[in-house]
């Protein structure tokens, strides 16, 4: 216990030195008074990935079909709640789109902060994304991007809630909640075999995420150009972090869909060669043999 308290004081003193006085309006909220629980939960997340993949190496994969169906639709509903509540709260507070300071809307700022606390907490819930991947032995999906995004967002949003829990901070979560409605509903539907033929829009999810990042960067930079008192250091960090996500997601998109295109091209060439060797000619993607059948 004494060791925990020593580590706790050390971690919090570093953050207080870096960022200054915390926002008093969120004191006493779950998980916010100390950084240590967030830090330890993140370490547990990373350790679970490492040990979990080793534990599952020689064991059969779990299906988790019903669990995934429930989980994905539960996160979809949570994202829907956050989207509606964020839109409603910033609208009633009279927030500006271009730049909104931290102490302009009175009690309405608290309402925004409460939704953003759920957004922070949702990043802890989303650690389950990776745990399910480990249990299903889909280890190829545990990329640097995946782990970096999940681990960093949880920690960043702890800082956001402690120092900038309202105002300008509303914009990114509003967009992200909308994207997560699309994303987790897609994942939920993908667990239902009869729905697979309707799930042609997966690649557009990544495109939508990239648009989200670009819009967030634009919104953040606009507060540099026409400042409203929102901490400049936070704006700069937000811009830098979003740029890292753009780079990583673009790389993921290119690698994923270029690879599929190349595999498709190779498959088409092999099929064409095979058709010619059998005296068959392709007609609009269907061979004569298929047409006769």
Protein backbone atom coordinates (compact mmCIF):
# COMPACT_ATOMS: atom_id res chain seq x y z
CA UNK A 1 0.00 0.00 0.00
CA UNK A 2 2.84 2.35 0.87
CA UNK A 3 4.52 1.57 -2.45
CA UNK A 4 1.26 2.29 -4.30
CA UNK A 5 0.90 5.65 -2.56
CA UNK A 6 4.49 6.55 -3.43
CA UNK A 7 3.93 5.72 -7.11
CA UNK A 8 0.59 7.54 -7.02
CA UNK A 9 2.13 10.74 -5.66
CA UNK A 10 5.00 10.52 -8.15
CA UNK A 11 2.79 10.08 -11.23
CA UNK A 12 0.33 12.79 -10.26
CA UNK A 13 3.07 15.26 -9.33
CA UNK A 14 4.62 14.85 -12.80
CA UNK A 15 1.31 15.60 -14.52
CA UNK A 16 0.51 18.52 -12.21
CA UNK A 17 3.95 19.99 -12.95
CA UNK A 18 3.44 19.57 -16.69
CA UNK A 19 -0.14 20.83 -16.96
CA UNK A 20 -0.72 22.99 -13.88
CA UNK A 21 -3.87 23.25 -11.79
CA UNK A 22 -6.65 20.80 -12.61
CA UNK A 23 -10.22 21.77 -13.38
CA UNK A 24 -12.08 21.77 -10.03
CA UNK A 25 -15.44 21.00 -11.65
CA UNK A 26 -14.58 17.31 -12.14
CA UNK A 27 -13.13 16.61 -8.70
CA UNK A 28 -14.54 13.45 -7.18
CA UNK A 29 -15.65 11.94 -10.50
CA UNK A 30 -14.92 8.23 -10.95
CA UNK A 31 -11.25 7.51 -11.89
CA UNK A 32 -10.35 11.20 -12.34
CA UNK A 33 -8.77 12.30 -9.04
CA UNK A 34 -5.67 10.17 -9.58
CA UNK A 35 -3.87 9.13 -12.76
CA UNK A 36 -2.62 5.87 -11.21
CA UNK A 37 -5.75 3.74 -11.91
CA UNK A 38 -5.74 4.79 -15.58
CA UNK A 39 -2.01 4.09 -15.80
CA UNK A 40 -2.35 0.65 -14.16
CA UNK A 41 -5.36 -0.29 -16.31
CA UNK A 42 -3.31 0.58 -19.39
CA UNK A 43 -0.40 -1.56 -18.19
CA UNK A 44 -2.88 -4.39 -17.52
CA UNK A 45 -4.22 -3.99 -21.07
CA UNK A 46 -0.73 -4.25 -22.59
CA UNK A 47 0.27 -7.15 -20.33
CA UNK A 48 -2.95 -9.02 -21.14
CA UNK A 49 -2.19 -8.77 -24.87
CA UNK A 50 1.33 -10.14 -24.35
CA UNK A 51 0.41 -12.94 -21.95
CA UNK A 52 -2.93 -13.66 -23.62
CA UNK A 53 -1.38 -14.41 -27.01
CA UNK A 54 1.10 -16.76 -25.32
CA UNK A 55 -1.69 -18.44 -23.32
CA UNK A 56 -3.82 -18.97 -26.44
CA UNK A 57 -0.97 -20.14 -28.67
CA UNK A 58 -1.60 -23.87 -28.22
CA UNK A 59 -5.29 -23.62 -27.35
CA UNK A 60 -8.31 -23.61 -29.66
CA UNK A 61 -9.81 -20.23 -30.53
CA UNK A 62 -13.06 -19.15 -28.91
CA UNK A 63 -15.99 -18.27 -31.17
CA UNK A 64 -17.62 -15.66 -28.87
CA UNK A 65 -20.35 -15.07 -31.45
CA UNK A 66 -23.10 -14.18 -28.98
CA UNK A 67 -20.73 -12.21 -26.76
CA UNK A 68 -19.52 -10.16 -29.74
CA UNK A 69 -23.08 -9.56 -30.92
CA UNK A 70 -24.07 -8.20 -27.50
CA UNK A 71 -20.85 -6.22 -27.00
CA UNK A 72 -20.85 -4.52 -30.39
CA UNK A 73 -24.47 -3.45 -30.20
CA UNK A 74 -24.00 -2.28 -26.59
CA UNK A 75 -21.10 -0.03 -27.67
CA UNK A 76 -23.20 1.14 -30.62
CA UNK A 77 -25.96 2.20 -28.22
CA UNK A 78 -23.46 3.94 -25.91
CA UNK A 79 -22.00 5.80 -28.91
CA UNK A 80 -25.50 6.79 -30.00
CA UNK A 81 -26.26 8.14 -26.52
CA UNK A 82 -23.01 10.16 -26.48
CA UNK A 83 -23.66 11.58 -29.94
CA UNK A 84 -27.21 12.70 -29.12
CA UNK A 85 -26.27 14.05 -25.69
CA UNK A 86 -23.24 15.94 -27.04
CA UNK A 87 -25.26 17.55 -29.82
CA UNK A 88 -28.06 18.43 -27.41
CA UNK A 89 -25.77 19.79 -24.67
CA UNK A 90 -23.57 21.97 -26.90
CA UNK A 91 -26.64 23.26 -28.75
CA UNK A 92 -28.45 24.24 -25.56
CA UNK A 93 -25.23 25.77 -24.20
CA UNK A 94 -24.86 27.94 -27.29
CA UNK A 95 -21.39 26.61 -28.07
CA UNK A 96 -19.51 28.13 -30.99
CA UNK A 97 -18.23 25.75 -33.64
CA UNK A 98 -15.00 27.64 -34.32
CA UNK A 99 -13.56 27.98 -30.80
CA UNK A 100 -15.22 27.56 -27.43
CA UNK A 101 -13.44 28.43 -24.19
CA UNK A 102 -13.65 26.42 -20.97
CA UNK A 103 -15.70 28.69 -18.70
CA UNK A 104 -18.25 30.41 -20.92
CA UNK A 105 -21.45 28.39 -20.51
CA UNK A 106 -21.75 27.93 -16.74
CA UNK A 107 -23.69 24.81 -15.70
CA UNK A 108 -24.08 23.84 -19.36
CA UNK A 109 -20.31 23.17 -19.43
CA UNK A 110 -20.82 20.58 -16.67
CA UNK A 111 -23.38 18.77 -18.80
CA UNK A 112 -20.86 18.59 -21.65
CA UNK A 113 -18.15 17.39 -19.26
CA UNK A 114 -20.41 14.59 -17.99
CA UNK A 115 -20.85 13.26 -21.52
CA UNK A 116 -17.11 13.52 -22.13
CA UNK A 117 -16.53 11.50 -18.96
CA UNK A 118 -18.57 8.70 -20.58
CA UNK A 119 -16.44 9.13 -23.68
CA UNK A 120 -13.29 8.67 -21.56
CA UNK A 121 -14.82 5.62 -19.87
CA UNK A 122 -15.82 4.16 -23.24
CA UNK A 123 -12.12 3.99 -24.11
CA UNK A 124 -11.67 1.61 -21.18
CA UNK A 125 -14.62 -0.49 -22.36
CA UNK A 126 -13.06 -0.66 -25.83
CA UNK A 127 -10.03 -2.48 -24.43
CA UNK A 128 -12.33 -5.49 -24.80
CA UNK A 129 -11.91 -5.15 -28.59
CA UNK A 130 -8.36 -6.44 -28.21
CA UNK A 131 -9.15 -9.06 -25.58
CA UNK A 132 -11.73 -10.61 -27.91
CA UNK A 133 -9.17 -10.63 -30.72
CA UNK A 134 -6.72 -12.49 -28.44
CA UNK A 135 -9.34 -15.07 -27.42
CA UNK A 136 -10.35 -15.62 -31.06
CA UNK A 137 -6.65 -15.94 -32.06
CA UNK A 138 -6.95 -13.22 -34.73
CA UNK A 139 -3.47 -12.00 -33.83
CA UNK A 140 -2.84 -10.42 -37.23
CA UNK A 141 -5.35 -7.75 -36.21
CA UNK A 142 -3.23 -6.70 -33.20
CA UNK A 143 -1.20 -4.14 -35.11
CA UNK A 144 0.81 -1.23 -33.74
CA UNK A 145 -1.99 1.08 -34.89
CA UNK A 146 -4.59 -0.94 -33.00
CA UNK A 147 -2.71 -1.02 -29.69
CA UNK A 148 -1.39 2.55 -29.96
CA UNK A 149 -4.84 3.94 -30.67
CA UNK A 150 -6.59 2.07 -27.85
CA UNK A 151 -3.94 2.66 -25.18
CA UNK A 152 -3.24 6.30 -26.00
CA UNK A 153 -6.88 7.43 -26.23
CA UNK A 154 -7.70 6.17 -22.74
CA UNK A 155 -4.76 8.08 -21.24
CA UNK A 156 -5.21 11.22 -23.30
CA UNK A 157 -8.85 11.49 -22.32
CA UNK A 158 -7.99 11.17 -18.64
CA UNK A 159 -5.87 14.30 -19.12
CA UNK A 160 -8.61 16.01 -21.15
CA UNK A 161 -11.19 15.43 -18.39
CA UNK A 162 -8.85 16.80 -15.74
CA UNK A 163 -7.71 19.95 -17.52
CA UNK A 164 -10.00 20.71 -20.47
CA UNK A 165 -13.28 18.81 -19.82
CA UNK A 166 -15.58 20.98 -21.92
CA UNK A 167 -15.47 23.83 -24.44
CA UNK A 168 -13.42 23.10 -27.54
CA UNK A 169 -13.01 19.46 -26.44
CA UNK A 170 -16.53 18.51 -27.57
CA UNK A 171 -15.81 18.39 -31.32
CA UNK A 172 -13.66 15.27 -31.72
CA UNK A 173 -15.85 13.03 -29.51
CA UNK A 174 -18.96 14.14 -31.39
CA UNK A 175 -17.47 13.01 -34.70
CA UNK A 176 -15.96 9.89 -33.17
CA UNK A 177 -19.25 8.84 -31.58
CA UNK A 178 -20.89 9.00 -35.00
CA UNK A 179 -18.09 6.96 -36.56
CA UNK A 180 -18.37 4.38 -33.76
CA UNK A 181 -22.08 3.97 -34.39
CA UNK A 182 -21.21 2.95 -37.94
CA UNK A 183 -18.20 0.88 -36.94
CA UNK A 184 -19.61 -1.14 -34.06
CA UNK A 185 -22.93 -1.72 -35.81
CA UNK A 186 -20.89 -3.10 -38.74
CA UNK A 187 -18.97 -5.40 -36.38
CA UNK A 188 -22.20 -6.49 -34.72
CA UNK A 189 -23.89 -7.28 -38.03
CA UNK A 190 -20.79 -9.15 -39.22
CA UNK A 191 -21.41 -11.76 -36.50
CA UNK A 192 -24.70 -12.66 -38.25
CA UNK A 193 -23.94 -14.85 -41.32
CA UNK A 194 -27.14 -13.87 -43.15
CA UNK A 195 -26.04 -10.20 -43.04
CA UNK A 196 -22.66 -10.69 -44.70
CA UNK A 197 -23.96 -10.00 -48.21
CA UNK A 198 -25.09 -6.54 -47.09
CA UNK A 199 -21.73 -5.57 -45.53
CA UNK A 200 -20.04 -4.15 -48.62
CA UNK A 201 -19.11 -0.88 -46.95
CA UNK A 202 -16.19 -1.89 -44.69
CA UNK A 203 -13.52 0.04 -46.61
CA UNK A 204 -15.61 3.20 -46.32
CA UNK A 205 -15.33 3.01 -42.52
CA UNK A 206 -11.59 3.67 -42.76
CA UNK A 207 -12.24 6.51 -45.19
CA UNK A 208 -14.77 7.98 -42.75
CA UNK A 209 -12.23 7.74 -39.93
CA UNK A 210 -9.68 9.62 -42.02
CA UNK A 211 -12.23 12.34 -42.80
CA UNK A 212 -12.93 12.54 -39.06
CA UNK A 213 -9.25 13.10 -38.28
CA UNK A 214 -8.86 15.77 -40.95
CA UNK A 215 -11.97 17.62 -39.71
CA UNK A 216 -10.70 17.45 -36.12
CA UNK A 217 -7.30 18.82 -37.15
CA UNK A 218 -9.01 21.63 -39.08
CA UNK A 219 -11.23 22.45 -36.11
CA UNK A 220 -8.23 22.44 -33.75
CA UNK A 221 -6.03 24.60 -35.97
CA UNK A 222 -8.87 27.11 -36.38
CA UNK A 223 -8.55 27.81 -32.65
CA UNK A 224 -4.90 28.74 -33.24
CA UNK A 225 -5.88 31.23 -35.89
CA UNK A 226 -8.75 32.81 -33.95
CA UNK A 227 -8.01 31.98 -30.28
CA UNK A 228 -10.66 32.04 -27.56
CA UNK A 229 -8.55 31.39 -24.48
CA UNK A 230 -8.47 27.62 -24.87
CA UNK A 231 -4.98 26.33 -23.79
CA UNK A 232 -2.66 26.55 -26.79
CA UNK A 233 -0.50 23.65 -25.63
CA UNK A 234 -3.53 21.34 -25.71
CA UNK A 235 -4.39 22.50 -29.23
CA UNK A 236 -0.86 21.79 -30.43
CA UNK A 237 -0.80 18.34 -28.84
CA UNK A 238 -4.21 17.52 -30.34
CA UNK A 239 -3.00 18.49 -33.78
CA UNK A 240 0.18 16.42 -33.46
CA UNK A 241 -1.68 13.36 -32.15
CA UNK A 242 -4.31 13.52 -34.90
CA UNK A 243 -1.54 13.77 -37.51
CA UNK A 244 0.00 10.53 -36.16
CA UNK A 245 -3.39 8.83 -36.57
CA UNK A 246 -3.75 10.13 -40.12
CA UNK A 247 -0.33 8.72 -41.04
CA UNK A 248 -1.04 5.34 -39.41
CA UNK A 249 -4.56 5.01 -40.84
CA UNK A 250 -3.43 6.00 -44.34
CA UNK A 251 -0.70 3.37 -44.12
CA UNK A 252 -3.26 0.79 -42.94
CA UNK A 253 -5.67 1.72 -45.73
CA UNK A 254 -3.01 1.54 -48.44
CA UNK A 255 -1.54 -1.71 -47.16
CA UNK A 256 -4.94 -3.37 -46.75
CA UNK A 257 -6.66 -2.40 -49.97
CA UNK A 258 -3.58 -2.36 -52.21
CA UNK A 259 -2.86 -5.91 -51.05
CA UNK A 260 -6.43 -6.96 -51.81
CA UNK A 261 -6.28 -5.32 -55.22
CA UNK A 262 -3.02 -7.08 -56.06
CA UNK A 263 -4.43 -10.40 -54.87
CA UNK A 264 -7.56 -9.76 -56.96
CA UNK A 265 -5.46 -8.93 -60.02
CA UNK A 266 -3.38 -12.08 -59.60
CA UNK A 267 -6.55 -14.14 -59.19
CA UNK A 268 -8.07 -12.61 -62.32
CA UNK A 269 -4.93 -13.31 -64.37
CA UNK A 270 -4.82 -16.90 -63.14
CA UNK A 271 -8.50 -17.37 -63.99
CA UNK A 272 -8.01 -15.86 -67.46
CA UNK A 273 -5.03 -18.11 -68.12
CA UNK A 274 -7.01 -21.13 -66.97
CA UNK A 275 -9.97 -20.18 -69.16
CA UNK A 276 -7.82 -19.82 -72.26
CA UNK A 277 -6.12 -23.12 -71.57
CA UNK A 278 -9.56 -24.78 -71.53
CA UNK A 279 -10.75 -23.04 -74.68
CA UNK A 280 -13.12 -20.78 -72.70
CA UNK A 281 -13.52 -17.00 -73.14
CA UNK A 282 -14.76 -14.64 -70.44
CA UNK A 283 -17.92 -12.62 -71.11
CA UNK A 284 -18.42 -9.68 -68.68
CA UNK A 285 -16.69 -11.58 -65.88
CA UNK A 286 -18.47 -14.87 -66.49
CA UNK A 287 -16.96 -17.68 -68.51
CA UNK A 288 -18.81 -19.45 -71.31
CA UNK A 289 -18.77 -22.53 -69.13
CA UNK A 290 -20.59 -20.66 -66.39
CA UNK A 291 -23.12 -19.28 -68.87
CA UNK A 292 -23.87 -22.76 -70.18
CA UNK A 293 -24.39 -23.95 -66.63
